[in-house]
């Protein structure tokens, strides 16, 4: 019964009642924000009050602002 030949380095995984599959692909994380041209533009932007961070990349000045 236990005389089966297993390949070298093969270790069977224990079977659990729950699986370790990744979360659904429909719930992807999204970054909030948009490209800006200056810090003044960031200051004038209204953001959500849910506690999430907004990212504002400023390519011309090589900076990333958060709010």
C-alpha atoms as a PDB file:
ATOM      1  CA  UNK A   1       0.000   0.000   0.000  1.00  0.00           C
ATOM      2  CA  UNK A   2       2.788   2.469   0.867  1.00  0.00           C
ATOM      3  CA  UNK A   3       5.275   0.946  -1.586  1.00  0.00           C
ATOM      4  CA  UNK A   4       4.609   3.544  -4.285  1.00  0.00           C
ATOM      5  CA  UNK A   5       7.688   5.054  -5.878  1.00  0.00           C
ATOM      6  CA  UNK A   6       7.807   8.823  -5.477  1.00  0.00           C
ATOM      7  CA  UNK A   7      10.159  11.029  -7.491  1.00  0.00           C
ATOM      8  CA  UNK A   8      13.199  12.283  -5.600  1.00  0.00           C
ATOM      9  CA  UNK A   9      12.383  15.543  -3.783  1.00  0.00           C
ATOM     10  CA  UNK A  10       8.616  15.025  -4.053  1.00  0.00           C
ATOM     11  CA  UNK A  11       6.700  15.930  -0.922  1.00  0.00           C
ATOM     12  CA  UNK A  12       2.925  15.585  -1.043  1.00  0.00           C
ATOM     13  CA  UNK A  13       1.003  18.616   0.176  1.00  0.00           C
ATOM     14  CA  UNK A  14      -1.414  18.118   3.082  1.00  0.00           C
ATOM     15  CA  UNK A  15      -5.075  18.381   2.154  1.00  0.00           C
ATOM     16  CA  UNK A  16      -6.989  21.077   4.031  1.00  0.00           C
ATOM     17  CA  UNK A  17     -10.715  21.709   4.134  1.00  0.00           C
ATOM     18  CA  UNK A  18     -10.008  25.205   2.796  1.00  0.00           C
ATOM     19  CA  UNK A  19      -7.932  26.139  -0.228  1.00  0.00           C
ATOM     20  CA  UNK A  20      -5.057  28.594  -0.515  1.00  0.00           C
ATOM     21  CA  UNK A  21      -6.157  30.102  -3.806  1.00  0.00           C
ATOM     22  CA  UNK A  22      -5.566  33.815  -4.345  1.00  0.00           C
ATOM     23  CA  UNK A  23      -8.423  36.264  -3.988  1.00  0.00           C
ATOM     24  CA  UNK A  24     -10.736  36.915  -6.881  1.00  0.00           C
ATOM     25  CA  UNK A  25      -9.235  38.925  -9.722  1.00  0.00           C
ATOM     26  CA  UNK A  26     -12.269  41.192  -9.749  1.00  0.00           C
ATOM     27  CA  UNK A  27     -11.028  42.954  -6.605  1.00  0.00           C
ATOM     28  CA  UNK A  28      -7.929  44.675  -7.926  1.00  0.00           C
ATOM     29  CA  UNK A  29      -6.233  47.432  -5.975  1.00  0.00           C
ATOM     30  CA  UNK A  30      -6.336  50.813  -7.645  1.00  0.00           C
ATOM     31  CA  UNK A  31      -4.228  53.856  -6.839  1.00  0.00           C
ATOM     32  CA  UNK A  32      -6.152  57.068  -6.430  1.00  0.00           C
ATOM     33  CA  UNK A  33      -4.814  60.297  -7.887  1.00  0.00           C
ATOM     34  CA  UNK A  34      -3.780  61.826 -11.194  1.00  0.00           C
ATOM     35  CA  UNK A  35      -0.791  63.453 -12.885  1.00  0.00           C
ATOM     36  CA  UNK A  36      -0.233  67.111 -11.970  1.00  0.00           C
ATOM     37  CA  UNK A  37       2.015  69.919 -13.141  1.00  0.00           C
ATOM     38  CA  UNK A  38       2.690  71.629  -9.797  1.00  0.00           C
ATOM     39  CA  UNK A  39       2.198  71.373  -6.040  1.00  0.00           C
ATOM     40  CA  UNK A  40      -0.426  74.137  -6.258  1.00  0.00           C
ATOM     41  CA  UNK A  41      -2.561  71.860  -8.397  1.00  0.00           C
ATOM     42  CA  UNK A  42      -2.353  69.186  -5.692  1.00  0.00           C
ATOM     43  CA  UNK A  43      -3.372  71.643  -2.995  1.00  0.00           C
ATOM     44  CA  UNK A  44      -6.465  72.615  -4.977  1.00  0.00           C
ATOM     45  CA  UNK A  45      -7.563  69.003  -5.512  1.00  0.00           C
ATOM     46  CA  UNK A  46     -10.412  67.692  -3.365  1.00  0.00           C
ATOM     47  CA  UNK A  47      -9.883  64.151  -2.044  1.00  0.00           C
ATOM     48  CA  UNK A  48     -12.126  61.551  -0.385  1.00  0.00           C
ATOM     49  CA  UNK A  49     -12.413  61.568   3.408  1.00  0.00           C
ATOM     50  CA  UNK A  50     -12.280  57.774   3.702  1.00  0.00           C
ATOM     51  CA  UNK A  51      -8.639  57.763   4.812  1.00  0.00           C
ATOM     52  CA  UNK A  52      -7.204  56.493   1.539  1.00  0.00           C
ATOM     53  CA  UNK A  53      -4.024  58.033   0.141  1.00  0.00           C
ATOM     54  CA  UNK A  54      -4.050  59.918  -3.159  1.00  0.00           C
ATOM     55  CA  UNK A  55      -0.915  59.978  -5.325  1.00  0.00           C
ATOM     56  CA  UNK A  56      -0.054  62.862  -7.640  1.00  0.00           C
ATOM     57  CA  UNK A  57       2.996  62.294  -9.852  1.00  0.00           C
ATOM     58  CA  UNK A  58       4.662  65.460 -11.145  1.00  0.00           C
ATOM     59  CA  UNK A  59       6.757  64.260 -14.085  1.00  0.00           C
ATOM     60  CA  UNK A  60       8.202  67.655 -15.011  1.00  0.00           C
ATOM     61  CA  UNK A  61       9.611  68.240 -11.516  1.00  0.00           C
ATOM     62  CA  UNK A  62      10.359  64.527 -10.859  1.00  0.00           C
ATOM     63  CA  UNK A  63       8.296  64.402  -7.656  1.00  0.00           C
ATOM     64  CA  UNK A  64       5.376  62.421  -6.265  1.00  0.00           C
ATOM     65  CA  UNK A  65       2.974  64.226  -3.950  1.00  0.00           C
ATOM     66  CA  UNK A  66       0.594  62.431  -1.596  1.00  0.00           C
ATOM     67  CA  UNK A  67      -2.477  63.753   0.087  1.00  0.00           C
END
